[in-house]
C-alpha atoms as a PDB file:
ATOM      1  CA  MET A   1       2.888 -88.155 -87.012  1.00  0.00           C
ATOM      2  CA  ASN A   2      -0.454 -88.006 -85.179  1.00  0.00           C
ATOM      3  CA  SER A   3       1.201 -86.274 -82.231  1.00  0.00           C
ATOM      4  CA  ASP A   4       2.535 -83.581 -84.560  1.00  0.00           C
ATOM      5  CA  VAL A   5      -0.932 -83.053 -86.000  1.00  0.00           C
ATOM      6  CA  GLU A   6      -2.499 -82.822 -82.559  1.00  0.00           C
ATOM      7  CA  GLN A   7       0.178 -80.396 -81.389  1.00  0.00           C
ATOM      8  CA  SER A   8      -0.490 -78.200 -84.408  1.00  0.00           C
ATOM      9  CA  ARG A   9      -4.170 -78.263 -83.621  1.00  0.00           C
ATOM     10  CA  ARG A  10      -3.537 -77.405 -79.991  1.00  0.00           C
ATOM     11  CA  ASP A  11      -1.321 -74.517 -81.069  1.00  0.00           C
ATOM     12  CA  ALA A  12      -4.042 -73.305 -83.407  1.00  0.00           C
ATOM     13  CA  ASP A  13      -6.592 -73.557 -80.592  1.00  0.00           C
ATOM     14  CA  VAL A  14      -4.385 -71.487 -78.336  1.00  0.00           C
ATOM     15  CA  ALA A  15      -3.936 -68.890 -81.068  1.00  0.00           C
ATOM     16  CA  ARG A  16      -7.686 -68.722 -81.702  1.00  0.00           C
ATOM     17  CA  ALA A  17      -8.425 -68.416 -78.011  1.00  0.00           C
ATOM     18  CA  ASP A  18      -5.932 -65.574 -77.777  1.00  0.00           C
ATOM     19  CA  ILE A  19      -7.598 -63.829 -80.711  1.00  0.00           C
ATOM     20  CA  GLY A  20     -10.961 -64.244 -79.000  1.00  0.00           C
ATOM     21  CA  ARG A  21      -9.725 -62.723 -75.757  1.00  0.00           C
ATOM     22  CA  ARG A  22      -8.055 -59.823 -77.551  1.00  0.00           C
ATOM     23  CA  ALA A  23     -11.168 -59.202 -79.647  1.00  0.00           C
ATOM     24  CA  GLY A  24     -13.355 -59.158 -76.533  1.00  0.00           C
ATOM     25  CA  ARG A  25     -11.048 -56.717 -74.770  1.00  0.00           C
ATOM     26  CA  LEU A  26     -10.876 -54.514 -77.862  1.00  0.00           C
ATOM     27  CA  ALA A  27     -14.687 -54.366 -78.098  1.00  0.00           C
ATOM     28  CA  ALA A  28     -14.941 -53.323 -74.446  1.00  0.00           C
ATOM     29  CA  VAL A  29     -12.310 -50.604 -74.830  1.00  0.00           C
ATOM     30  CA  ILE A  30     -13.961 -49.272 -77.990  1.00  0.00           C
ATOM     31  CA  ASP A  31     -17.336 -49.120 -76.225  1.00  0.00           C
ATOM     32  CA  THR A  32     -15.809 -47.034 -73.431  1.00  0.00           C
ATOM     33  CA  MET A  33     -13.990 -44.778 -75.884  1.00  0.00           C
ATOM     34  CA  CYS A  34     -17.193 -44.164 -77.854  1.00  0.00           C
ATOM     35  CA  ASP A  35     -19.243 -43.396 -74.742  1.00  0.00           C
ATOM     36  CA  ASP A  36     -16.618 -40.959 -73.457  1.00  0.00           C
ATOM     37  CA  GLY A  37     -15.926 -39.644 -76.958  1.00  0.00           C
ATOM     38  CA  GLU A  38     -19.532 -38.649 -77.587  1.00  0.00           C
ATOM     39  CA  ALA A  39     -19.422 -36.467 -74.471  1.00  0.00           C
ATOM     40  CA  VAL A  40     -16.058 -34.986 -75.523  1.00  0.00           C
ATOM     41  CA  LEU A  41     -17.336 -34.100 -78.990  1.00  0.00           C
ATOM     42  CA  ARG A  42     -20.484 -32.497 -77.581  1.00  0.00           C
ATOM     43  CA  ILE A  43     -18.342 -30.392 -75.245  1.00  0.00           C
ATOM     44  CA  ALA A  44     -16.035 -29.429 -78.118  1.00  0.00           C
ATOM     45  CA  VAL A  45     -18.910 -28.331 -80.368  1.00  0.00           C
ATOM     46  CA  ALA A  46     -20.501 -26.303 -77.570  1.00  0.00           C
ATOM     47  CA  ALA A  47     -17.150 -24.681 -76.707  1.00  0.00           C
ATOM     48  CA  ARG A  48     -16.536 -23.785 -80.351  1.00  0.00           C
ATOM     49  CA  ASP A  49     -19.990 -22.217 -80.678  1.00  0.00           C
ATOM     50  CA  GLU A  50     -19.552 -20.321 -77.408  1.00  0.00           C
ATOM     51  CA  GLN A  51     -16.194 -18.944 -78.557  1.00  0.00           C
ATOM     52  CA  ARG A  52     -17.650 -17.807 -81.881  1.00  0.00           C
ATOM     53  CA  VAL A  53     -20.531 -15.997 -80.191  1.00  0.00           C
ATOM     54  CA  ALA A  54     -18.163 -14.382 -77.677  1.00  0.00           C
ATOM     55  CA  TRP A  55     -15.958 -13.182 -80.540  1.00  0.00           C
ATOM     56  CA  LEU A  56     -18.912 -11.616 -82.346  1.00  0.00           C
ATOM     57  CA  VAL A  57     -19.963  -9.865 -79.145  1.00  0.00           C
ATOM     58  CA  LEU A  58     -16.417  -8.571 -78.606  1.00  0.00           C
ATOM     59  CA  CYS A  59     -16.212  -7.218 -82.142  1.00  0.00           C
ATOM     60  CA  HIS A  60     -19.589  -5.550 -81.631  1.00  0.00           C
ATOM     61  CA  THR A  61     -18.057  -3.501 -78.792  1.00  0.00           C
ATOM     62  CA  GLY A  62     -15.542  -2.005 -81.206  1.00  0.00           C
ATOM     63  CA  TRP A  63     -12.711  -4.511 -80.848  1.00  0.00           C
ATOM     64  CA  PRO A  64     -11.074  -4.902 -84.290  1.00  0.00           C
ATOM     65  CA  ASN A  65     -11.939  -8.212 -85.937  1.00  0.00           C
ATOM     66  CA  THR A  66      -8.318  -8.601 -87.081  1.00  0.00           C
ATOM     67  CA  THR A  67      -6.956  -8.725 -83.511  1.00  0.00           C
ATOM     68  CA  LEU A  68      -7.468 -12.386 -82.627  1.00  0.00           C
ATOM     69  CA  THR A  69      -5.233 -12.414 -79.576  1.00  0.00           C
ATOM     70  CA  SER A  70      -5.135 -10.193 -76.539  1.00  0.00           C
ATOM     71  CA  PRO A  71      -1.799  -9.008 -75.080  1.00  0.00           C
ATOM     72  CA  ILE A  72      -3.630  -7.762 -71.995  1.00  0.00           C
ATOM     73  CA  ASP A  73      -2.962  -9.486 -68.689  1.00  0.00           C
ATOM     74  CA  PRO A  74      -6.346 -10.885 -67.540  1.00  0.00           C
ATOM     75  CA  ARG A  75      -5.486  -9.940 -63.954  1.00  0.00           C
ATOM     76  CA  LEU A  76      -5.120  -6.308 -65.001  1.00  0.00           C
ATOM     77  CA  THR A  77      -8.487  -6.424 -66.728  1.00  0.00           C
ATOM     78  CA  ALA A  78     -10.082  -7.992 -63.647  1.00  0.00           C
ATOM     79  CA  ASP A  79      -8.510  -5.358 -61.358  1.00  0.00           C
ATOM     80  CA  TRP A  80      -9.761  -2.491 -63.506  1.00  0.00           C
ATOM     81  CA  LEU A  81     -13.277  -3.924 -63.739  1.00  0.00           C
ATOM     82  CA  GLU A  82     -13.383  -4.477 -59.977  1.00  0.00           C
ATOM     83  CA  ALA A  83     -12.348  -0.872 -59.334  1.00  0.00           C
ATOM     84  CA  TRP A  84     -14.858   0.396 -61.902  1.00  0.00           C
ATOM     85  CA  THR A  85     -17.669  -1.626 -60.318  1.00  0.00           C
ATOM     86  CA  GLU A  86     -16.863  -0.055 -56.957  1.00  0.00           C
ATOM     87  CA  TYR A  87     -16.724   3.401 -58.533  1.00  0.00           C
ATOM     88  CA  VAL A  88     -20.148   3.224 -60.215  1.00  0.00           C
ATOM     89  CA  ALA A  89     -21.661   1.782 -57.023  1.00  0.00           C
ATOM     90  CA  MET A  90     -20.879   5.012 -55.180  1.00  0.00           C
ATOM     91  CA  PRO A  91     -23.545   7.729 -54.956  1.00  0.00           C
ATOM     92  CA  VAL A  92     -23.352  10.487 -57.548  1.00  0.00           C
ATOM     93  CA  GLN A  93     -23.461  13.155 -54.869  1.00  0.00           C
ATOM     94  CA  LEU A  94     -20.876  12.636 -52.132  1.00  0.00           C
ATOM     95  CA  TRP A  95     -21.803  13.960 -48.727  1.00  0.00           C
ATOM     96  CA  SER A  96     -19.190  12.622 -46.339  1.00  0.00           C
ATOM     97  CA  ALA A  97     -15.422  12.931 -46.124  1.00  0.00           C
ATOM     98  CA  ARG A  98     -15.232   9.147 -45.942  1.00  0.00           C
ATOM     99  CA  GLU A  99     -16.995   8.800 -49.293  1.00  0.00           C
ATOM    100  CA  MET A 100     -14.684  11.363 -50.873  1.00  0.00           C
ATOM    101  CA  VAL A 101     -11.576   9.552 -49.594  1.00  0.00           C
ATOM    102  CA  LEU A 102     -12.945   6.239 -50.855  1.00  0.00           C
ATOM    103  CA  GLN A 103     -13.672   7.702 -54.285  1.00  0.00           C
ATOM    104  CA  ARG A 104     -10.174   9.158 -54.590  1.00  0.00           C
ATOM    105  CA  ARG A 105      -8.724   5.768 -53.620  1.00  0.00           C
ATOM    106  CA  ILE A 106     -10.771   4.026 -56.288  1.00  0.00           C
ATOM    107  CA  LEU A 107      -9.778   6.622 -58.900  1.00  0.00           C
ATOM    108  CA  ARG A 108      -6.104   6.049 -58.086  1.00  0.00           C
ATOM    109  CA  ARG A 109      -6.629   2.332 -58.660  1.00  0.00           C
ATOM    110  CA  LEU A 110      -8.273   3.048 -61.999  1.00  0.00           C
ATOM    111  CA  HIS A 111      -5.445   5.367 -63.036  1.00  0.00           C
ATOM    112  CA  ARG A 112      -2.800   2.791 -62.126  1.00  0.00           C
ATOM    113  CA  CYS A 113      -4.541   0.108 -64.153  1.00  0.00           C
ATOM    114  CA  GLU A 114      -5.112   2.444 -67.088  1.00  0.00           C
ATOM    115  CA  THR A 115      -1.438   3.438 -67.225  1.00  0.00           C
ATOM    116  CA  THR A 116      -0.556  -0.178 -68.024  1.00  0.00           C
ATOM    117  CA  LEU A 117      -3.744  -1.049 -69.848  1.00  0.00           C
ATOM    118  CA  ARG A 118      -3.940   1.781 -72.352  1.00  0.00           C
ATOM    119  CA  PRO A 119      -0.784   0.939 -74.395  1.00  0.00           C
ATOM    120  CA  GLU A 120      -2.019  -2.652 -74.790  1.00  0.00           C
ATOM    121  CA  LEU A 121      -5.395  -1.717 -76.243  1.00  0.00           C
ATOM    122  CA  PRO A 122      -5.980  -1.675 -80.010  1.00  0.00           C
ATOM    123  CA  GLN A 123      -5.998   1.841 -81.410  1.00  0.00           C
ATOM    124  CA  ARG A 124      -9.600   1.443 -82.488  1.00  0.00           C
ATOM    125  CA  VAL A 125     -10.635   0.861 -78.864  1.00  0.00           C
ATOM    126  CA  ILE A 126      -8.538   3.824 -77.654  1.00  0.00           C
ATOM    127  CA  ASP A 127     -10.336   6.032 -80.153  1.00  0.00           C
ATOM    128  CA  LEU A 128     -13.660   4.868 -78.705  1.00  0.00           C
ATOM    129  CA  ILE A 129     -12.856   5.425 -75.030  1.00  0.00           C
ATOM    130  CA  ASP A 130     -11.049   8.769 -75.262  1.00  0.00           C
ATOM    131  CA  PRO A 131     -11.303  10.822 -73.183  1.00  0.00           C
ATOM    132  CA  LEU A 132     -11.282   8.517 -70.149  1.00  0.00           C
ATOM    133  CA  ASP A 133     -14.000  10.330 -68.276  1.00  0.00           C
ATOM    134  CA  ARG A 134     -17.037   8.553 -66.840  1.00  0.00           C
ATOM    135  CA  THR A 135     -18.479   7.961 -70.315  1.00  0.00           C
ATOM    136  CA  GLY A 136     -15.144   6.754 -71.716  1.00  0.00           C
ATOM    137  CA  ARG A 137     -14.698   4.397 -68.783  1.00  0.00           C
ATOM    138  CA  ALA A 138     -18.212   3.039 -69.197  1.00  0.00           C
ATOM    139  CA  THR A 139     -17.333   2.220 -72.809  1.00  0.00           C
ATOM    140  CA  LEU A 140     -14.055   0.632 -71.685  1.00  0.00           C
ATOM    141  CA  ALA A 141     -15.928  -1.502 -69.156  1.00  0.00           C
ATOM    142  CA  PHE A 142     -18.232  -2.695 -71.941  1.00  0.00           C
ATOM    143  CA  VAL A 143     -15.212  -3.704 -74.036  1.00  0.00           C
ATOM    144  CA  LEU A 144     -13.270  -5.354 -71.211  1.00  0.00           C
ATOM    145  CA  ARG A 145     -16.220  -7.443 -70.029  1.00  0.00           C
ATOM    146  CA  ALA A 146     -16.682  -8.751 -73.558  1.00  0.00           C
ATOM    147  CA  LEU A 147     -12.938  -9.383 -73.763  1.00  0.00           C
ATOM    148  CA  GLN A 148     -13.049 -11.368 -70.520  1.00  0.00           C
ATOM    149  CA  GLN A 149     -15.922 -13.474 -71.802  1.00  0.00           C
ATOM    150  CA  TRP A 150     -14.083 -14.177 -75.042  1.00  0.00           C
ATOM    151  CA  LEU A 151     -10.874 -15.131 -73.189  1.00  0.00           C
ATOM    152  CA  ASP A 152     -12.847 -17.457 -70.904  1.00  0.00           C
ATOM    153  CA  ALA A 153     -14.600 -19.024 -73.884  1.00  0.00           C
ATOM    154  CA  THR A 154     -11.267 -19.429 -75.679  1.00  0.00           C
ATOM    155  CA  ALA A 155      -9.780 -21.169 -72.630  1.00  0.00           C
ATOM    156  CA  ARG A 156     -12.697 -23.615 -72.577  1.00  0.00           C
ATOM    157  CA  TYR A 157     -12.328 -24.192 -76.315  1.00  0.00           C
ATOM    158  CA  ASP A 158      -8.598 -24.897 -75.927  1.00  0.00           C
ATOM    159  CA  ALA A 159      -9.330 -27.357 -73.124  1.00  0.00           C
ATOM    160  CA  SER A 160     -11.892 -29.154 -75.287  1.00  0.00           C
ATOM    161  CA  ALA A 161      -9.356 -29.295 -78.138  1.00  0.00           C
ATOM    162  CA  GLN A 162      -6.928 -31.071 -75.810  1.00  0.00           C
ATOM    163  CA  LEU A 163      -9.638 -33.592 -74.933  1.00  0.00           C
ATOM    164  CA  LYS A 164     -10.254 -34.187 -78.641  1.00  0.00           C
ATOM    165  CA  GLN A 165      -6.538 -34.738 -79.179  1.00  0.00           C
ATOM    166  CA  SER A 166      -6.461 -37.307 -76.374  1.00  0.00           C
ATOM    167  CA  LEU A 167      -9.437 -39.030 -77.982  1.00  0.00           C
ATOM    168  CA  ARG A 168      -7.673 -38.983 -81.355  1.00  0.00           C
ATOM    169  CA  THR A 169      -4.540 -40.529 -79.797  1.00  0.00           C
ATOM    170  CA  CYS A 170      -6.604 -43.290 -78.208  1.00  0.00           C
ATOM    171  CA  ALA A 171      -8.319 -43.994 -81.522  1.00  0.00           C
ATOM    172  CA  SER A 172      -4.945 -44.249 -83.282  1.00  0.00           C
ATOM    173  CA  LEU A 173      -3.827 -46.919 -80.816  1.00  0.00           C
ATOM    174  CA  LEU A 174      -7.049 -48.832 -81.341  1.00  0.00           C
ATOM    175  CA  GLN A 175      -6.620 -48.630 -85.113  1.00  0.00           C
ATOM    176  CA  ARG A 176      -3.393 -50.647 -84.778  1.00  0.00           C
ATOM    177  CA  GLN A 177      -5.008 -53.181 -82.441  1.00  0.00           C
ATOM    178  CA  ALA A 178      -7.944 -53.619 -84.801  1.00  0.00           C
ATOM    179  CA  ALA A 179      -5.590 -54.142 -87.752  1.00  0.00           C
ATOM    180  CA  GLN A 180      -3.734 -56.848 -85.815  1.00  0.00           C
ATOM    181  CA  LEU A 181      -7.025 -58.730 -85.516  1.00  0.00           C
ATOM    182  CA  GLY A 182      -7.847 -58.245 -89.184  1.00  0.00           C
ATOM    183  CA  LEU A 183     -10.578 -55.724 -88.460  1.00  0.00           C
ATOM    184  CA  SER A 184     -11.089 -52.654 -90.619  1.00  0.00           C
ATOM    185  CA  ALA A 185     -10.876 -49.481 -88.491  1.00  0.00           C
ATOM    186  CA  PRO A 186     -12.350 -46.142 -89.658  1.00  0.00           C
ATOM    187  CA  MET A 187     -10.033 -43.865 -91.582  1.00  0.00           C
ATOM    188  CA  ALA A 188     -11.355 -40.859 -89.649  1.00  0.00           C
ATOM    189  CA  PRO A 189     -10.212 -41.502 -86.063  1.00  0.00           C
ATOM    190  CA  LEU A 190     -13.148 -39.625 -84.517  1.00  0.00           C
ATOM    191  CA  ASP A 191     -15.884 -41.368 -86.528  1.00  0.00           C
ATOM    192  CA  LEU A 192     -17.540 -42.920 -83.475  1.00  0.00           C
ATOM    193  CA  SER A 193     -20.390 -44.571 -85.373  1.00  0.00           C
ATOM    194  CA  GLU A 194     -17.811 -46.511 -87.406  1.00  0.00           C
ATOM    195  CA  TRP A 195     -15.919 -47.378 -84.222  1.00  0.00           C
ATOM    196  CA  ARG A 196     -19.099 -48.922 -82.824  1.00  0.00           C
ATOM    197  CA  ARG A 197     -19.234 -51.069 -85.957  1.00  0.00           C
ATOM    198  CA  VAL A 198     -15.668 -52.215 -85.250  1.00  0.00           C
ATOM    199  CA  ALA A 199     -16.691 -53.094 -81.685  1.00  0.00           C
ATOM    200  CA  ASP A 200     -19.574 -55.211 -83.037  1.00  0.00           C
ATOM    201  CA  ASP A 201     -17.183 -56.948 -85.450  1.00  0.00           C
ATOM    202  CA  ALA A 202     -14.780 -57.648 -82.578  1.00  0.00           C
ATOM    203  CA  ARG A 203     -17.592 -59.101 -80.446  1.00  0.00           C
ATOM    204  CA  ALA A 204     -18.582 -61.333 -83.356  1.00  0.00           C
ATOM    205  CA  LEU A 205     -14.974 -62.443 -83.707  1.00  0.00           C
ATOM    206  CA  ALA A 206     -14.566 -63.388 -80.050  1.00  0.00           C
ATOM    207  CA  PRO A 207     -17.281 -66.093 -79.810  1.00  0.00           C
ATOM    208  CA  ALA A 208     -16.382 -67.349 -83.289  1.00  0.00           C
ATOM    209  CA  ALA A 209     -12.835 -67.999 -82.113  1.00  0.00           C
ATOM    210  CA  ALA A 210     -14.132 -69.646 -78.949  1.00  0.00           C
ATOM    211  CA  SER A 211     -16.537 -71.921 -80.858  1.00  0.00           C
ATOM    212  CA  ARG A 212     -13.764 -73.050 -83.222  1.00  0.00           C
ATOM    213  CA  ARG A 213     -11.674 -73.928 -80.173  1.00  0.00           C
ATOM    214  CA  LEU A 214     -14.510 -75.998 -78.661  1.00  0.00           C
ATOM    215  CA  PHE A 215     -14.941 -77.816 -81.989  1.00  0.00           C
ATOM    216  CA  SER A 216     -11.219 -78.627 -82.103  1.00  0.00           C
ATOM    217  CA  VAL A 217     -11.234 -79.925 -78.519  1.00  0.00           C
ATOM    218  CA  ALA A 218     -14.221 -82.160 -79.217  1.00  0.00           C
ATOM    219  CA  ARG A 219     -12.612 -83.515 -82.381  1.00  0.00           C
ATOM    220  CA  ALA A 220      -9.350 -84.174 -80.569  1.00  0.00           C
ATOM    221  CA  ALA A 221     -11.225 -86.099 -77.881  1.00  0.00           C
ATOM    222  CA  SER A 222     -12.968 -88.243 -80.501  1.00  0.00           C
ATOM    223  CA  LEU A 223      -9.655 -88.983 -82.203  1.00  0.00           C
ATOM    224  CA  VAL A 224      -8.059 -89.975 -78.923  1.00  0.00           C
ATOM    225  CA  GLY A 225     -10.999 -92.309 -78.241  1.00  0.00           C
ATOM    226  CA  GLN A 226     -10.256 -94.222 -81.463  1.00  0.00           C
ATOM    227  CA  TYR A 227      -6.967 -95.466 -80.119  1.00  0.00           C
ATOM    228  CA  PRO A 228      -6.546 -97.729 -77.099  1.00  0.00           C
END
């Protein structure tokens, strides 16, 4: 009978020790997630704000605020802007045959880009840039630079959203682990302040389990000492 009781106690000690180890590991993982998560959330907020500002700037150029996506190939935009930068860098008055040949070459590049680019532009922008003379092209450059900035900002925002999703997935896994230990995890998976509370609860659970195990071992030793 006594052996059965002692075996039950030993089993309970093993179970408590396992809970203590799991609680300690969970606390460490939560600490890491919170440290990394704070950086991820800061990046996400900054990326969202940057995208919003870039969108306002783009709309200020004349881009319609209902056109939230761009069908324009970014490489085409970059090629046109590169050619335009070279064009405006040339002197207004051309004196040499070499300069004239270079200008014609740049104009051909602009025309090629514009043949593909024009049908992809919103009608409101086309109305602004027509005719595509030097003034019209200057307006187009203004629009395309703002479009590039918005596309870049959107790419950074999308990347930050993926980081947030990874963080949310990690938190969901930790919610299940916390529940297995009887700990109450935050309902909002990205509530990092609440996750730090869970980590503190897990750290409190780990030594408590260890101390109960030490008490059981000491009691078992005293019981054994009562019998020759």
